[in-house]
Amino acid sequence: MKNIFAAFLLLLASTGAFAQTDLTKSKISFELKNLGIKTGGTIDKAQASVQFDPAQLGSSKIEAVAEAASINTDNTMRDNHLKNEDYFDVAKYPKITMSSTSFQKKGNSFVGVFNLTIKDKTKVVEVPFSYAAISGGHLFKGSFKINRKDFGIGGNSMTMSDEVTINIEAESAK
């Protein structure tokens, strides 16, 4: 469950492009500890609309939507469990959304403030990310942490950590 949430956040955090564009490639991954061992996965289906200009951060905007049912931990039994009511409840809440509210430059990187909504619960998250020009487009990389219980994902657990790390890597066309 944490893994799904983390993957979605990672996807949202990594979006960005110089002008209005969609992502051409993205990788959303997540990590958390279960029984003291790092485990993780990906969220495989997501879309984002990106309007990002480092010279005009006030008018930049990122909107992202991920399909909660696309969680992939390379374990079908665990994936199905994460889709149930006690975790992501994908039948009732099929989409995870993230929408930027502001951006700031921090040294050679940026920090985006986003409204993240999972299971009809919206929380503000800060996502530090890098932005670089690459052949044919732009590359965004970000990583941030969330508490899965803030979104009603899973309950109390003595074996599964509450903290989830989300990593996002996304490319957009010029």
Protein backbone atom coordinates (compact mmCIF):
# COMPACT_ATOMS: atom_id res chain seq x y z
CA MET A 1 0.00 0.00 0.00
CA LYS A 2 2.73 2.39 0.94
CA ASN A 3 4.48 1.36 -2.19
CA ILE A 4 1.58 2.41 -4.39
CA PHE A 5 1.26 5.75 -2.72
CA ALA A 6 4.95 6.39 -3.00
CA ALA A 7 5.04 5.54 -6.66
CA PHE A 8 2.26 7.93 -7.43
CA LEU A 9 3.95 10.77 -5.56
CA LEU A 10 7.14 10.12 -7.39
CA LEU A 11 5.37 10.39 -10.72
CA LEU A 12 3.87 13.69 -9.82
CA ALA A 13 7.03 15.13 -8.46
CA SER A 14 9.08 14.49 -11.55
CA THR A 15 6.98 16.16 -14.16
CA GLY A 16 8.12 19.37 -15.81
CA ALA A 17 8.87 20.90 -19.15
CA PHE A 18 9.75 24.26 -20.66
CA ALA A 19 6.37 24.78 -22.33
CA GLN A 20 2.97 23.13 -22.28
CA THR A 21 3.72 19.49 -23.01
CA ASP A 22 2.99 15.96 -21.94
CA LEU A 23 5.51 13.46 -20.66
CA THR A 24 7.26 11.28 -23.22
CA LYS A 25 8.68 8.87 -20.63
CA SER A 26 8.30 8.47 -16.88
CA LYS A 27 9.35 6.14 -14.10
CA ILE A 28 7.59 6.27 -10.75
CA SER A 29 9.01 4.07 -8.05
CA PHE A 30 8.53 3.79 -4.31
CA GLU A 31 10.26 2.26 -1.32
CA LEU A 32 9.32 1.44 2.24
CA LYS A 33 10.41 -0.96 4.92
CA ASN A 34 8.46 -4.10 5.65
CA LEU A 35 9.82 -6.37 8.38
CA GLY A 36 12.90 -4.11 8.39
CA ILE A 37 13.68 -4.86 4.75
CA LYS A 38 13.36 -2.29 1.96
CA THR A 39 10.70 -3.24 -0.53
CA GLY A 40 9.09 -1.30 -3.33
CA GLY A 41 7.50 -1.17 -6.69
CA THR A 42 6.20 1.09 -9.41
CA ILE A 43 3.04 2.75 -10.62
CA ASP A 44 2.90 1.94 -14.29
CA LYS A 45 0.08 4.11 -15.67
CA ALA A 46 0.14 7.86 -15.26
CA GLN A 47 -0.31 10.99 -17.32
CA ALA A 48 0.81 14.54 -16.74
CA SER A 49 0.41 17.92 -18.34
CA VAL A 50 3.44 20.11 -17.77
CA GLN A 51 3.95 23.80 -18.23
CA PHE A 52 7.30 24.52 -16.63
CA ASP A 53 9.63 27.43 -17.34
CA PRO A 54 12.50 28.00 -14.87
CA ALA A 55 12.46 31.71 -15.79
CA GLN A 56 8.71 32.01 -15.09
CA LEU A 57 8.01 29.85 -12.06
CA GLY A 58 4.91 31.87 -11.15
CA SER A 59 3.13 30.78 -14.32
CA SER A 60 4.41 27.19 -14.29
CA LYS A 61 1.94 24.38 -13.65
CA ILE A 62 2.02 20.58 -13.40
CA GLU A 63 -1.09 18.37 -13.29
CA ALA A 64 -0.77 14.59 -12.95
CA VAL A 65 -3.11 11.62 -12.69
CA ALA A 66 -2.07 8.05 -11.88
CA GLU A 67 -4.15 4.89 -12.03
CA ALA A 68 -4.02 3.29 -8.58
CA ALA A 69 -4.79 -0.11 -10.11
CA SER A 70 -1.49 -0.02 -12.03
CA ILE A 71 0.58 -0.64 -8.90
CA ASN A 72 3.27 -3.23 -9.57
CA THR A 73 5.42 -4.82 -6.86
CA ASP A 74 6.34 -7.90 -8.93
CA ASN A 75 4.09 -9.91 -6.61
CA THR A 76 0.55 -10.40 -7.94
CA MET A 77 -0.84 -11.49 -4.58
CA ARG A 78 0.53 -8.36 -2.85
CA ASP A 79 -0.61 -6.13 -5.73
CA ASN A 80 -4.16 -7.46 -5.42
CA HIS A 81 -4.09 -6.93 -1.65
CA LEU A 82 -2.96 -3.31 -2.12
CA LYS A 83 -5.92 -2.69 -4.44
CA ASN A 84 -8.45 -3.71 -1.74
CA GLU A 85 -10.47 -1.41 0.53
CA ASP A 86 -7.98 -1.40 3.41
CA TYR A 87 -5.28 0.07 1.18
CA PHE A 88 -6.00 1.92 -2.08
CA ASP A 89 -9.60 0.79 -2.64
CA VAL A 90 -9.13 1.14 -6.40
CA ALA A 91 -12.76 0.27 -7.17
CA LYS A 92 -13.95 3.34 -5.25
CA TYR A 93 -10.87 5.59 -5.76
CA PRO A 94 -9.31 4.68 -9.13
CA LYS A 95 -7.28 7.89 -9.56
CA ILE A 96 -4.49 9.52 -7.61
CA THR A 97 -4.03 13.18 -8.51
CA MET A 98 -1.37 15.79 -7.97
CA SER A 99 -1.57 19.46 -8.84
CA SER A 100 1.13 22.08 -8.36
CA THR A 101 0.40 25.30 -6.48
CA SER A 102 3.85 26.94 -6.60
CA PHE A 103 7.53 26.47 -7.42
CA GLN A 104 10.73 27.90 -5.94
CA LYS A 105 14.32 27.78 -7.10
CA LYS A 106 16.69 26.34 -4.48
CA GLY A 107 20.31 26.58 -5.66
CA ASN A 108 20.61 24.46 -8.80
CA SER A 109 17.32 22.67 -8.11
CA PHE A 110 13.64 23.45 -7.56
CA VAL A 111 10.95 22.71 -5.00
CA GLY A 112 7.36 22.24 -6.10
CA VAL A 113 4.40 22.51 -3.74
CA PHE A 114 1.61 20.12 -4.73
CA ASN A 115 -1.87 19.13 -3.62
CA LEU A 116 -1.78 15.34 -3.54
CA THR A 117 -5.12 13.53 -3.42
CA ILE A 118 -5.45 9.84 -2.58
CA LYS A 119 -8.75 8.25 -1.53
CA ASP A 120 -10.42 11.69 -1.41
CA LYS A 121 -7.85 12.92 1.12
CA THR A 122 -5.79 15.91 -0.03
CA LYS A 123 -2.47 16.86 1.59
CA VAL A 124 0.12 19.46 0.65
CA VAL A 125 3.49 17.94 -0.24
CA GLU A 126 6.80 19.58 -1.13
CA VAL A 127 8.78 17.90 -3.88
CA PRO A 128 12.43 18.83 -4.48
CA PHE A 129 13.48 18.12 -8.06
CA SER A 130 16.19 18.74 -10.63
CA TYR A 131 15.53 19.95 -14.17
CA ALA A 132 17.94 19.56 -17.09
CA ALA A 133 17.91 19.91 -20.86
CA ILE A 134 18.58 16.63 -22.65
CA SER A 135 18.62 15.61 -26.29
CA GLY A 136 15.11 16.26 -27.59
CA GLY A 137 13.59 17.52 -24.35
CA HIS A 138 13.91 17.96 -20.62
CA LEU A 139 14.59 15.61 -17.72
CA PHE A 140 13.03 15.96 -14.27
CA LYS A 141 14.18 13.94 -11.25
CA GLY A 142 12.65 14.17 -7.80
CA SER A 143 12.35 12.30 -4.55
CA PHE A 144 10.20 12.91 -1.48
CA LYS A 145 8.62 11.14 1.49
CA ILE A 146 5.04 10.78 2.65
CA ASN A 147 3.19 9.12 5.51
CA ARG A 148 0.84 6.47 4.09
CA LYS A 149 -1.55 6.82 7.04
CA ASP A 150 -2.20 10.49 6.16
CA PHE A 151 -4.19 9.11 3.21
CA GLY A 152 -5.91 6.22 4.94
CA ILE A 153 -3.69 3.64 3.29
CA GLY A 154 -3.38 0.61 5.50
CA GLY A 155 -3.77 0.75 9.23
CA ASN A 156 -1.38 0.51 12.11
CA SER A 157 1.35 -2.02 11.47
CA MET A 158 4.22 -3.28 13.56
CA THR A 159 5.99 -4.59 10.46
CA MET A 160 5.33 -1.98 7.76
CA SER A 161 6.78 1.52 8.09
CA ASP A 162 4.50 4.54 7.78
CA GLU A 163 7.08 6.46 5.73
CA VAL A 164 7.22 5.92 1.97
CA THR A 165 9.92 7.32 -0.31
CA ILE A 166 8.78 8.21 -3.82
CA ASN A 167 11.22 8.64 -6.70
CA ILE A 168 10.23 10.18 -10.00
CA GLU A 169 12.11 10.46 -13.24
CA ALA A 170 10.30 11.99 -16.20
CA GLU A 171 11.12 13.25 -19.67
CA SER A 172 9.19 15.75 -21.73
CA ALA A 173 9.61 16.91 -25.30
CA LYS A 174 10.88 20.41 -26.08
